[in-house]
Amino acid sequence: MRETIAGKAFGKMKAETLKPVKRGDVLLTSQPFVYLVSGSLKSLYCDFCMAKKSGKGLRRCSGCRLEHYCGRECQAAAWKIHRLECQRLKRVAPRVPPDTARLMAKVILKLQVLL
């Protein structure tokens, strides 16, 4: 039988109550360090919240014209990191870097923002 510990913040947990883990229980949630919508799916998904929108539902970044967003809220929330990427994407336009290169660039930019 598997068990989980329900208690205080991670790292300072006390075994207050033990309960069995059932199939389908969420044990851990986390946010990715960086993420990227594949180039072939860019016109279908928001680059910030990953919501699926079809047709004219997405708005493009006016700078690089590569990223797509649901609306102003998603674009504003993504701007902290995207503004750095946007400057670089405008320099290589109209060529679009491969997904792998863009993902590595996002990792580097995120690390620069954190340091």
Protein backbone atom coordinates (compact mmCIF):
# COMPACT_ATOMS: atom_id res chain seq x y z
CA MET A 1 0.00 0.00 0.00
CA ARG A 2 1.35 3.40 -0.98
CA GLU A 3 0.98 6.31 1.42
CA THR A 4 1.46 10.04 1.24
CA ILE A 5 2.25 12.54 3.94
CA ALA A 6 -0.09 15.50 4.27
CA GLY A 7 1.46 18.26 6.29
CA LYS A 8 3.28 21.54 6.10
CA ALA A 9 5.46 23.07 3.38
CA PHE A 10 7.85 20.79 1.49
CA GLY A 11 11.06 20.25 3.43
CA LYS A 12 9.40 20.85 6.79
CA MET A 13 6.80 18.10 6.70
CA LYS A 14 5.49 16.30 9.73
CA ALA A 15 3.73 12.99 9.53
CA GLU A 16 0.42 14.40 10.79
CA THR A 17 -1.94 12.24 8.79
CA LEU A 18 -1.33 9.35 6.49
CA LYS A 19 -3.81 8.49 3.81
CA PRO A 20 -3.71 5.96 1.00
CA VAL A 21 -2.91 7.18 -2.50
CA LYS A 22 -5.59 6.28 -5.00
CA ARG A 23 -5.25 5.93 -8.74
CA GLY A 24 -5.72 9.38 -10.29
CA ASP A 25 -4.65 11.36 -7.19
CA VAL A 26 -2.43 14.35 -7.96
CA LEU A 27 0.81 13.97 -6.03
CA LEU A 28 2.82 16.86 -7.42
CA THR A 29 2.23 19.86 -9.65
CA SER A 30 4.90 22.19 -10.98
CA GLN A 31 5.51 24.86 -13.59
CA PRO A 32 7.99 24.22 -16.42
CA PHE A 33 11.16 26.30 -16.41
CA VAL A 34 10.59 27.18 -20.09
CA TYR A 35 8.18 25.92 -22.72
CA LEU A 36 7.54 26.43 -26.40
CA VAL A 37 4.68 25.88 -28.82
CA SER A 38 5.92 23.89 -31.80
CA GLY A 39 6.24 25.91 -34.99
CA SER A 40 3.64 23.77 -36.77
CA LEU A 41 1.05 24.52 -34.05
CA LYS A 42 1.72 28.25 -33.48
CA SER A 43 -1.46 29.40 -35.16
CA LEU A 44 -3.58 27.13 -32.91
CA TYR A 45 -2.24 27.68 -29.36
CA CYS A 46 -1.50 30.69 -27.18
CA ASP A 47 2.23 30.98 -26.50
CA PHE A 48 1.61 31.87 -22.85
CA CYS A 49 -1.35 29.89 -21.48
CA MET A 50 -1.38 27.15 -24.15
CA ALA A 51 -5.14 27.60 -24.69
CA LYS A 52 -6.31 26.27 -28.04
CA LYS A 53 -7.90 28.90 -30.26
CA SER A 54 -8.75 28.43 -33.90
CA GLY A 55 -8.97 30.86 -36.75
CA LYS A 56 -8.63 34.54 -35.87
CA GLY A 57 -8.80 33.89 -32.10
CA LEU A 58 -5.09 34.54 -31.55
CA ARG A 59 -3.23 37.83 -31.79
CA ARG A 60 0.37 38.00 -33.01
CA CYS A 61 3.13 39.89 -31.26
CA SER A 62 3.45 43.17 -33.15
CA GLY A 63 7.24 43.11 -32.77
CA CYS A 64 8.45 39.71 -33.98
CA ARG A 65 5.16 38.57 -35.55
CA LEU A 66 6.02 35.03 -34.44
CA GLU A 67 4.40 34.56 -31.01
CA HIS A 68 0.60 34.23 -30.73
CA TYR A 69 -1.48 35.21 -27.69
CA CYS A 70 -5.13 34.89 -26.57
CA GLY A 71 -5.26 38.58 -25.76
CA ARG A 72 -3.59 41.44 -23.95
CA GLU A 73 -3.50 39.63 -20.59
CA CYS A 74 -1.45 36.71 -21.90
CA GLN A 75 0.80 38.99 -23.92
CA ALA A 76 1.47 41.24 -20.92
CA ALA A 77 2.17 38.25 -18.67
CA ALA A 78 4.63 36.80 -21.22
CA TRP A 79 6.37 40.12 -21.87
CA LYS A 80 8.99 39.83 -19.11
CA ILE A 81 10.74 37.03 -20.99
CA HIS A 82 9.38 37.58 -24.50
CA ARG A 83 10.70 41.13 -24.77
CA LEU A 84 14.25 39.73 -24.74
CA GLU A 85 13.38 37.01 -27.23
CA CYS A 86 11.41 39.43 -29.42
CA GLN A 87 14.43 41.69 -29.98
CA ARG A 88 16.48 38.73 -31.18
CA LEU A 89 13.74 37.24 -33.35
CA LYS A 90 13.34 40.57 -35.18
CA ARG A 91 17.05 40.44 -36.11
CA VAL A 92 16.74 37.05 -37.84
CA ALA A 93 13.40 37.79 -39.57
CA PRO A 94 12.02 36.53 -41.92
CA ARG A 95 13.86 33.29 -41.08
CA VAL A 96 12.37 31.39 -38.15
CA PRO A 97 14.87 29.46 -36.00
CA PRO A 98 14.12 25.76 -35.45
CA ASP A 99 12.15 24.83 -32.32
CA THR A 100 15.20 23.34 -30.61
CA ALA A 101 17.24 26.52 -31.08
CA ARG A 102 14.36 28.69 -29.82
CA LEU A 103 13.92 26.48 -26.75
CA MET A 104 17.62 26.71 -25.88
CA ALA A 105 17.50 30.48 -26.38
CA LYS A 106 14.55 30.68 -23.96
CA VAL A 107 16.55 28.73 -21.36
CA ILE A 108 19.47 31.16 -21.70
CA LEU A 109 17.21 34.24 -21.55
CA LYS A 110 15.34 32.91 -18.50
CA LEU A 111 18.65 32.28 -16.72
CA GLN A 112 19.77 35.85 -17.54
CA VAL A 113 16.53 37.24 -16.07
CA LEU A 114 16.95 35.19 -12.90
CA LEU A 115 20.57 36.19 -12.33
